[in-house]
N, C-alpha and C. Protein backbone atom coordinates (compact mmCIF):
# COMPACT_ATOMS: atom_id res chain seq x y z
N MET A 1 -13.33 -1.41 -0.20
CA MET A 1 -13.21 -1.47 1.23
C MET A 1 -13.10 -0.07 1.78
N GLY A 2 -13.38 0.06 3.04
CA GLY A 2 -13.41 1.35 3.69
C GLY A 2 -12.07 1.72 4.31
N PRO A 3 -12.13 2.33 5.50
CA PRO A 3 -10.91 2.79 6.15
C PRO A 3 -9.99 1.62 6.53
N GLU A 4 -8.83 1.97 7.03
CA GLU A 4 -7.88 0.94 7.43
C GLU A 4 -8.52 0.07 8.50
N PRO A 5 -8.30 -1.25 8.43
CA PRO A 5 -8.93 -2.15 9.39
C PRO A 5 -8.45 -1.85 10.81
N SER A 6 -9.39 -1.91 11.75
CA SER A 6 -8.99 -1.71 13.14
C SER A 6 -8.05 -2.84 13.52
N GLY A 7 -7.03 -2.50 14.26
CA GLY A 7 -6.05 -3.48 14.65
C GLY A 7 -5.03 -3.80 13.58
N ALA A 8 -5.08 -3.09 12.42
CA ALA A 8 -4.10 -3.33 11.38
C ALA A 8 -2.72 -2.94 11.89
N ALA A 9 -1.76 -3.77 11.59
CA ALA A 9 -0.40 -3.51 12.05
C ALA A 9 0.26 -2.41 11.24
N HIS A 10 0.93 -1.50 11.95
CA HIS A 10 1.66 -0.45 11.25
C HIS A 10 2.62 0.20 12.23
N SER A 11 3.80 0.53 11.76
CA SER A 11 4.79 1.23 12.57
C SER A 11 5.33 2.39 11.75
N PRO A 12 4.74 3.57 11.91
CA PRO A 12 5.10 4.70 11.04
C PRO A 12 6.50 5.24 11.34
N HIS A 13 7.08 5.87 10.33
CA HIS A 13 8.35 6.55 10.51
C HIS A 13 8.11 7.95 11.05
N ARG A 14 7.09 8.61 10.53
CA ARG A 14 6.73 9.96 10.96
C ARG A 14 5.21 10.02 11.03
N SER A 15 4.67 10.89 11.88
CA SER A 15 3.21 10.97 12.01
C SER A 15 2.57 11.66 10.82
N GLY A 16 3.23 12.61 10.19
CA GLY A 16 2.67 13.28 9.01
C GLY A 16 1.53 14.21 9.32
N THR A 17 1.48 14.79 10.49
CA THR A 17 0.35 15.63 10.87
C THR A 17 0.17 16.83 9.96
N PHE A 18 1.22 17.26 9.23
CA PHE A 18 1.10 18.42 8.35
C PHE A 18 0.82 18.01 6.91
N CYS A 19 0.86 16.74 6.61
CA CYS A 19 0.66 16.27 5.24
C CYS A 19 -0.70 16.70 4.69
N ALA A 20 -1.75 16.52 5.45
CA ALA A 20 -3.10 16.87 4.99
C ALA A 20 -3.27 18.37 4.83
N LEU A 21 -2.50 19.16 5.56
CA LEU A 21 -2.60 20.62 5.48
C LEU A 21 -1.86 21.19 4.28
N SER A 22 -0.75 20.56 3.91
CA SER A 22 0.07 21.06 2.81
C SER A 22 0.71 19.86 2.10
N PRO A 23 -0.09 19.11 1.31
CA PRO A 23 0.41 17.89 0.70
C PRO A 23 1.60 18.12 -0.25
N GLY A 24 2.55 17.22 -0.20
CA GLY A 24 3.73 17.24 -1.05
C GLY A 24 4.69 16.18 -0.57
N ARG A 25 5.70 15.91 -1.34
CA ARG A 25 6.66 14.87 -0.98
C ARG A 25 7.33 15.12 0.37
N ARG A 26 7.73 16.36 0.62
CA ARG A 26 8.48 16.66 1.84
C ARG A 26 7.68 16.35 3.10
N LEU A 27 6.40 16.68 3.10
CA LEU A 27 5.60 16.50 4.32
C LEU A 27 4.84 15.16 4.37
N CYS A 28 4.72 14.47 3.24
CA CYS A 28 3.90 13.26 3.20
C CYS A 28 4.69 11.96 3.07
N ASP A 29 5.80 11.97 2.36
CA ASP A 29 6.54 10.73 2.14
C ASP A 29 6.97 10.09 3.45
N GLY A 30 6.72 8.79 3.55
CA GLY A 30 7.16 8.01 4.72
C GLY A 30 6.33 8.24 5.96
N THR A 31 5.11 8.80 5.81
CA THR A 31 4.26 9.05 6.96
C THR A 31 3.11 8.05 7.02
N ASP A 32 2.49 7.98 8.18
CA ASP A 32 1.38 7.08 8.43
C ASP A 32 0.11 7.70 7.85
N PRO A 33 -0.61 7.00 6.95
CA PRO A 33 -1.82 7.57 6.35
C PRO A 33 -2.96 7.81 7.36
N VAL A 34 -3.00 7.02 8.41
CA VAL A 34 -4.05 7.20 9.42
C VAL A 34 -3.73 8.39 10.31
N ASP A 35 -2.52 8.42 10.88
CA ASP A 35 -2.13 9.51 11.78
C ASP A 35 -2.15 10.86 11.09
N SER A 36 -1.87 10.89 9.78
CA SER A 36 -1.82 12.15 9.04
C SER A 36 -3.21 12.68 8.67
N GLY A 37 -4.24 11.84 8.79
CA GLY A 37 -5.58 12.22 8.39
C GLY A 37 -5.86 11.92 6.91
N CYS A 38 -4.89 11.37 6.21
CA CYS A 38 -5.06 11.09 4.78
C CYS A 38 -5.94 9.87 4.50
N ALA A 39 -6.08 8.96 5.45
CA ALA A 39 -6.89 7.77 5.25
C ALA A 39 -8.39 8.12 5.19
N SER A 40 -8.76 9.25 5.78
CA SER A 40 -10.14 9.68 5.76
C SER A 40 -10.53 10.05 4.33
N GLY A 41 -11.52 9.37 3.77
CA GLY A 41 -11.96 9.62 2.41
C GLY A 41 -11.15 8.88 1.35
N ALA A 42 -10.16 8.11 1.78
CA ALA A 42 -9.34 7.35 0.83
C ALA A 42 -10.13 6.17 0.28
N TYR A 43 -9.68 5.65 -0.85
CA TYR A 43 -10.35 4.51 -1.45
C TYR A 43 -9.34 3.55 -2.06
N THR A 44 -9.81 2.35 -2.32
CA THR A 44 -8.97 1.34 -2.96
C THR A 44 -9.04 1.53 -4.46
N VAL A 45 -7.89 1.81 -5.07
CA VAL A 45 -7.80 2.01 -6.51
C VAL A 45 -7.88 0.66 -7.21
N ARG A 46 -7.17 -0.28 -6.67
CA ARG A 46 -7.12 -1.60 -7.28
C ARG A 46 -6.74 -2.61 -6.21
N GLY A 47 -7.37 -3.77 -6.27
CA GLY A 47 -7.05 -4.85 -5.36
C GLY A 47 -6.72 -6.11 -6.15
N SER A 48 -5.81 -6.89 -5.64
CA SER A 48 -5.40 -8.12 -6.31
C SER A 48 -5.26 -9.23 -5.27
N ARG A 49 -5.83 -10.38 -5.59
CA ARG A 49 -5.67 -11.54 -4.71
C ARG A 49 -4.22 -11.98 -4.73
N LEU A 50 -3.72 -12.41 -3.61
CA LEU A 50 -2.37 -12.93 -3.52
C LEU A 50 -2.40 -14.44 -3.74
N TRP A 51 -1.43 -14.94 -4.52
CA TRP A 51 -1.35 -16.36 -4.86
C TRP A 51 -0.01 -16.92 -4.43
N TYR A 52 -0.03 -18.16 -3.97
CA TYR A 52 1.22 -18.82 -3.61
C TYR A 52 2.08 -19.00 -4.85
N ARG A 53 3.36 -18.76 -4.70
CA ARG A 53 4.29 -18.90 -5.81
C ARG A 53 4.46 -20.34 -6.26
N ASP A 54 4.23 -21.28 -5.37
CA ASP A 54 4.45 -22.69 -5.72
C ASP A 54 3.24 -23.33 -6.38
N GLY A 55 2.22 -22.53 -6.71
CA GLY A 55 1.07 -23.05 -7.43
C GLY A 55 -0.04 -23.65 -6.60
N ARG A 56 0.05 -23.54 -5.26
CA ARG A 56 -0.99 -24.09 -4.40
C ARG A 56 -2.32 -23.37 -4.54
N GLY A 57 -2.32 -22.17 -5.10
CA GLY A 57 -3.57 -21.43 -5.26
C GLY A 57 -3.58 -20.17 -4.45
N PRO A 58 -4.78 -19.62 -4.17
CA PRO A 58 -4.89 -18.35 -3.45
C PRO A 58 -4.39 -18.45 -2.03
N ALA A 59 -3.78 -17.37 -1.56
CA ALA A 59 -3.20 -17.33 -0.23
C ALA A 59 -4.20 -16.83 0.81
N GLY A 60 -5.40 -16.45 0.41
CA GLY A 60 -6.41 -15.99 1.38
C GLY A 60 -6.18 -14.55 1.81
N ALA A 61 -5.57 -13.76 0.94
CA ALA A 61 -5.31 -12.37 1.28
C ALA A 61 -5.42 -11.52 0.01
N THR A 62 -5.65 -10.23 0.20
CA THR A 62 -5.77 -9.29 -0.92
C THR A 62 -4.81 -8.13 -0.71
N ALA A 63 -4.05 -7.79 -1.76
CA ALA A 63 -3.20 -6.60 -1.75
C ALA A 63 -4.00 -5.48 -2.38
N GLU A 64 -3.91 -4.29 -1.79
CA GLU A 64 -4.66 -3.14 -2.29
C GLU A 64 -3.74 -1.94 -2.43
N LEU A 65 -3.98 -1.17 -3.49
CA LEU A 65 -3.36 0.14 -3.63
C LEU A 65 -4.40 1.14 -3.16
N ARG A 66 -4.08 1.89 -2.12
CA ARG A 66 -4.98 2.89 -1.56
C ARG A 66 -4.58 4.28 -2.04
N TYR A 67 -5.57 5.16 -2.23
CA TYR A 67 -5.31 6.53 -2.68
C TYR A 67 -6.12 7.51 -1.86
N SER A 68 -5.48 8.59 -1.47
CA SER A 68 -6.14 9.67 -0.74
C SER A 68 -6.26 10.91 -1.62
N PRO A 69 -7.49 11.24 -2.07
CA PRO A 69 -7.67 12.46 -2.86
C PRO A 69 -7.32 13.71 -2.07
N ARG A 70 -7.54 13.66 -0.76
CA ARG A 70 -7.25 14.80 0.10
C ARG A 70 -5.77 15.15 0.12
N CYS A 71 -4.91 14.10 0.17
CA CYS A 71 -3.48 14.32 0.33
C CYS A 71 -2.67 14.01 -0.93
N GLY A 72 -3.29 13.33 -1.90
CA GLY A 72 -2.56 12.94 -3.10
C GLY A 72 -1.54 11.86 -2.84
N THR A 73 -1.82 11.00 -1.85
CA THR A 73 -0.88 9.96 -1.45
C THR A 73 -1.41 8.57 -1.74
N ASN A 74 -0.49 7.62 -1.85
CA ASN A 74 -0.81 6.21 -2.05
C ASN A 74 -0.11 5.40 -0.96
N TRP A 75 -0.69 4.25 -0.63
CA TRP A 75 -0.06 3.28 0.25
C TRP A 75 -0.57 1.90 -0.10
N SER A 76 0.11 0.90 0.40
CA SER A 76 -0.24 -0.50 0.18
C SER A 76 -0.92 -1.04 1.43
N ARG A 77 -1.91 -1.91 1.22
CA ARG A 77 -2.60 -2.54 2.36
C ARG A 77 -2.86 -4.00 2.02
N VAL A 78 -2.70 -4.87 2.98
CA VAL A 78 -3.06 -6.28 2.84
C VAL A 78 -4.17 -6.59 3.84
N THR A 79 -5.21 -7.21 3.36
CA THR A 79 -6.27 -7.71 4.23
C THR A 79 -6.42 -9.20 4.01
N PHE A 80 -6.70 -9.91 5.07
CA PHE A 80 -6.89 -11.36 5.02
C PHE A 80 -8.37 -11.70 4.99
N ASP A 81 -8.67 -12.82 4.36
CA ASP A 81 -10.03 -13.36 4.43
C ASP A 81 -10.33 -13.70 5.87
N GLY A 82 -11.61 -13.67 6.25
CA GLY A 82 -12.06 -13.88 7.62
C GLY A 82 -11.30 -14.95 8.39
N GLY A 83 -10.69 -14.54 9.49
CA GLY A 83 -10.04 -15.46 10.39
C GLY A 83 -8.63 -15.88 10.01
N ARG A 84 -8.22 -15.61 8.79
CA ARG A 84 -6.87 -16.01 8.36
C ARG A 84 -5.84 -15.02 8.90
N THR A 85 -4.63 -15.46 8.98
CA THR A 85 -3.54 -14.59 9.42
C THR A 85 -2.22 -15.16 8.88
N GLY A 86 -1.19 -14.37 8.96
CA GLY A 86 0.12 -14.81 8.50
C GLY A 86 1.09 -13.65 8.46
N PRO A 87 2.36 -13.95 8.22
CA PRO A 87 3.32 -12.87 8.09
C PRO A 87 3.06 -12.05 6.84
N VAL A 88 3.23 -10.74 6.94
CA VAL A 88 2.92 -9.81 5.85
C VAL A 88 4.06 -8.80 5.71
N THR A 89 4.37 -8.44 4.46
CA THR A 89 5.28 -7.33 4.14
C THR A 89 4.56 -6.44 3.14
N VAL A 90 4.58 -5.13 3.38
CA VAL A 90 3.93 -4.19 2.46
C VAL A 90 4.85 -2.99 2.20
N MET A 91 4.73 -2.44 0.99
CA MET A 91 5.40 -1.17 0.66
C MET A 91 4.75 -0.60 -0.58
N VAL A 92 4.97 0.66 -0.83
CA VAL A 92 4.45 1.34 -2.03
C VAL A 92 5.60 2.09 -2.68
N CYS A 93 5.57 2.16 -4.01
CA CYS A 93 6.63 2.81 -4.77
C CYS A 93 6.03 3.79 -5.79
N ARG A 94 6.76 4.88 -6.02
CA ARG A 94 6.41 5.73 -7.16
C ARG A 94 6.99 5.05 -8.38
N GLY A 95 6.17 4.93 -9.43
CA GLY A 95 6.62 4.22 -10.63
C GLY A 95 6.34 2.74 -10.48
N ASP A 96 6.96 1.94 -11.38
CA ASP A 96 6.67 0.52 -11.39
C ASP A 96 7.88 -0.33 -10.99
N GLY A 97 8.91 0.27 -10.47
CA GLY A 97 10.07 -0.48 -9.99
C GLY A 97 10.25 -0.28 -8.51
N TYR A 98 11.42 -0.64 -8.03
CA TYR A 98 11.72 -0.54 -6.60
C TYR A 98 12.66 0.63 -6.28
N GLY A 99 12.76 1.63 -7.18
CA GLY A 99 13.72 2.72 -7.00
C GLY A 99 13.29 3.83 -6.06
N ASP A 100 12.01 4.06 -5.90
CA ASP A 100 11.52 5.19 -5.11
C ASP A 100 10.35 4.70 -4.24
N CYS A 101 10.69 4.06 -3.11
CA CYS A 101 9.69 3.34 -2.32
C CYS A 101 9.76 3.72 -0.84
N THR A 102 8.69 3.39 -0.14
CA THR A 102 8.72 3.43 1.31
C THR A 102 9.57 2.26 1.77
N GLU A 103 9.98 2.27 3.02
CA GLU A 103 10.62 1.09 3.57
C GLU A 103 9.58 -0.01 3.66
N ALA A 104 10.01 -1.24 3.48
CA ALA A 104 9.09 -2.37 3.61
C ALA A 104 8.73 -2.52 5.08
N TYR A 105 7.43 -2.64 5.36
CA TYR A 105 6.95 -2.87 6.73
C TYR A 105 6.55 -4.32 6.86
N ARG A 106 7.01 -4.96 7.92
CA ARG A 106 6.72 -6.38 8.15
C ARG A 106 6.01 -6.58 9.46
N THR A 107 5.06 -7.52 9.45
CA THR A 107 4.39 -7.93 10.67
C THR A 107 4.19 -9.43 10.64
N ARG A 108 4.02 -10.04 11.79
CA ARG A 108 3.91 -11.49 11.87
C ARG A 108 2.47 -12.00 11.76
N GLY A 109 1.49 -11.15 11.83
CA GLY A 109 0.13 -11.67 11.74
C GLY A 109 -0.92 -10.60 11.56
N GLY A 110 -1.85 -10.83 10.69
CA GLY A 110 -2.97 -9.92 10.49
C GLY A 110 -2.76 -8.94 9.36
N SER A 111 -3.75 -8.10 9.18
CA SER A 111 -3.71 -7.09 8.12
C SER A 111 -2.65 -6.04 8.43
N ALA A 112 -2.15 -5.38 7.38
CA ALA A 112 -1.11 -4.37 7.56
C ALA A 112 -1.21 -3.35 6.45
N TYR A 113 -0.67 -2.16 6.70
CA TYR A 113 -0.57 -1.14 5.66
C TYR A 113 0.78 -0.46 5.77
N SER A 114 1.24 0.06 4.62
CA SER A 114 2.55 0.69 4.55
C SER A 114 2.43 2.18 4.90
N ASP A 115 3.60 2.82 4.99
CA ASP A 115 3.63 4.27 5.01
C ASP A 115 3.18 4.76 3.64
N GLN A 116 2.96 6.04 3.49
CA GLN A 116 2.47 6.58 2.24
C GLN A 116 3.53 7.38 1.50
N LEU A 117 3.29 7.54 0.20
CA LEU A 117 4.12 8.39 -0.66
C LEU A 117 3.21 9.36 -1.38
N TYR A 118 3.68 10.60 -1.53
CA TYR A 118 2.95 11.57 -2.33
C TYR A 118 3.11 11.18 -3.80
N ALA A 119 2.00 10.97 -4.48
CA ALA A 119 2.05 10.51 -5.88
C ALA A 119 0.82 11.01 -6.63
N ARG A 120 0.49 12.28 -6.44
CA ARG A 120 -0.73 12.82 -7.05
C ARG A 120 -0.68 12.77 -8.57
N ASP A 121 0.45 13.05 -9.17
CA ASP A 121 0.55 13.15 -10.63
C ASP A 121 1.51 12.15 -11.27
N VAL A 122 1.85 11.10 -10.53
CA VAL A 122 2.74 10.06 -11.05
C VAL A 122 2.17 8.70 -10.71
N PRO A 123 2.54 7.66 -11.46
CA PRO A 123 2.05 6.31 -11.13
C PRO A 123 2.58 5.85 -9.76
N ALA A 124 1.83 5.01 -9.11
CA ALA A 124 2.25 4.38 -7.87
C ALA A 124 1.95 2.90 -7.97
N THR A 125 2.79 2.10 -7.33
CA THR A 125 2.59 0.65 -7.34
C THR A 125 2.65 0.13 -5.90
N ALA A 126 1.64 -0.65 -5.53
CA ALA A 126 1.61 -1.27 -4.22
C ALA A 126 2.19 -2.68 -4.32
N TYR A 127 3.03 -3.03 -3.37
CA TYR A 127 3.60 -4.38 -3.31
C TYR A 127 3.25 -5.00 -1.97
N ALA A 128 2.95 -6.28 -2.00
CA ALA A 128 2.62 -6.99 -0.77
C ALA A 128 3.05 -8.44 -0.90
N TRP A 129 3.57 -8.97 0.18
CA TRP A 129 3.95 -10.37 0.26
C TRP A 129 3.34 -10.93 1.53
N CYS A 130 2.86 -12.13 1.48
CA CYS A 130 2.30 -12.71 2.70
C CYS A 130 2.55 -14.21 2.75
N CYS A 131 2.23 -14.77 3.89
CA CYS A 131 2.07 -16.22 4.05
C CYS A 131 3.35 -16.99 3.75
N GLY A 132 4.47 -16.52 4.25
CA GLY A 132 5.73 -17.23 4.06
C GLY A 132 6.49 -16.79 2.84
N ALA A 133 6.21 -15.62 2.32
CA ALA A 133 6.90 -15.14 1.13
C ALA A 133 8.38 -14.93 1.41
N GLY A 134 9.19 -15.19 0.46
CA GLY A 134 10.62 -14.97 0.56
C GLY A 134 11.35 -15.85 -0.41
N PRO A 135 12.62 -15.58 -0.62
CA PRO A 135 13.38 -16.39 -1.56
C PRO A 135 13.33 -17.88 -1.21
N GLY A 136 12.94 -18.69 -2.14
CA GLY A 136 12.92 -20.14 -1.93
C GLY A 136 11.77 -20.67 -1.11
N SER A 137 10.82 -19.84 -0.71
CA SER A 137 9.69 -20.32 0.08
C SER A 137 8.40 -20.06 -0.68
N ALA A 138 7.35 -20.74 -0.24
CA ALA A 138 6.03 -20.48 -0.84
C ALA A 138 5.55 -19.13 -0.34
N GLY A 139 5.01 -18.34 -1.24
CA GLY A 139 4.54 -17.01 -0.84
C GLY A 139 3.61 -16.45 -1.88
N ALA A 140 3.31 -15.20 -1.76
CA ALA A 140 2.40 -14.55 -2.70
C ALA A 140 2.84 -13.12 -2.89
N THR A 141 2.66 -12.60 -4.10
CA THR A 141 2.94 -11.19 -4.37
C THR A 141 2.09 -10.75 -5.55
N GLN A 142 1.66 -9.52 -5.52
CA GLN A 142 0.87 -9.00 -6.66
C GLN A 142 0.96 -7.48 -6.65
N PRO A 143 1.63 -6.88 -7.65
CA PRO A 143 1.64 -5.41 -7.71
C PRO A 143 0.35 -4.87 -8.30
N SER A 144 -0.03 -3.68 -7.88
CA SER A 144 -1.15 -2.94 -8.46
C SER A 144 -0.66 -1.55 -8.80
N THR A 145 -0.99 -1.06 -9.96
CA THR A 145 -0.51 0.26 -10.37
C THR A 145 -1.68 1.22 -10.50
N HIS A 146 -1.47 2.44 -10.03
CA HIS A 146 -2.46 3.50 -10.11
C HIS A 146 -1.79 4.75 -10.66
N THR A 147 -2.37 5.35 -11.65
CA THR A 147 -1.93 6.65 -12.13
C THR A 147 -3.10 7.60 -11.96
N HIS A 148 -2.87 8.69 -11.28
CA HIS A 148 -3.91 9.68 -11.09
C HIS A 148 -4.38 10.18 -12.46
N PRO A 149 -5.68 10.44 -12.66
CA PRO A 149 -6.20 10.84 -13.97
C PRO A 149 -5.46 12.01 -14.60
N ARG A 150 -5.05 13.00 -13.80
CA ARG A 150 -4.33 14.14 -14.37
C ARG A 150 -2.99 13.70 -14.96
N ALA A 151 -2.32 12.74 -14.31
CA ALA A 151 -1.04 12.25 -14.84
C ALA A 151 -1.28 11.52 -16.16
N ARG A 152 -2.35 10.73 -16.25
CA ARG A 152 -2.65 10.04 -17.51
C ARG A 152 -2.90 11.05 -18.62
N GLU A 153 -3.64 12.12 -18.29
CA GLU A 153 -3.93 13.15 -19.30
C GLU A 153 -2.64 13.84 -19.76
N SER A 154 -1.72 14.09 -18.83
CA SER A 154 -0.50 14.79 -19.21
C SER A 154 0.43 13.89 -20.04
N MET A 155 0.25 12.55 -19.96
CA MET A 155 1.07 11.65 -20.75
C MET A 155 0.48 11.40 -22.14
N SER A 156 -0.74 11.81 -22.37
CA SER A 156 -1.37 11.60 -23.66
C SER A 156 -0.75 12.52 -24.70
N PRO A 157 -0.65 12.05 -25.98
CA PRO A 157 -0.06 12.92 -27.01
C PRO A 157 -0.96 14.10 -27.34
């Protein structure tokens, strides 16, 4: 997929206008990938269909881990199949746990993307929940992990 969908819901913490000029954690973490200019030239590293937890099948949405080569940042994005909508929560974390993450962003309808984290040389994981996700309710979640090639090389024996 290409750039962030027009009309995608997002409420940034910081604009990140200096992130693209001098990428790093201090200037990029918690910023909007579109406002910072990092979404330009970004690509989807991995996408995963979201499935209802109660076994009903696909939720009609895709979670994506986005990467910006320009800024070395990652963010999470959820897109819905044509015409579908629903509540969405997105966030991205460095590593594969919930210890170093953006704040979870929630919207009541349509596609959404999270703030970004600088993760040029470390793994990043995108998390997304949609369509009534939450404790005890039917929902969907699917993490995607991306490690920049240089980080993979540095971890090799």
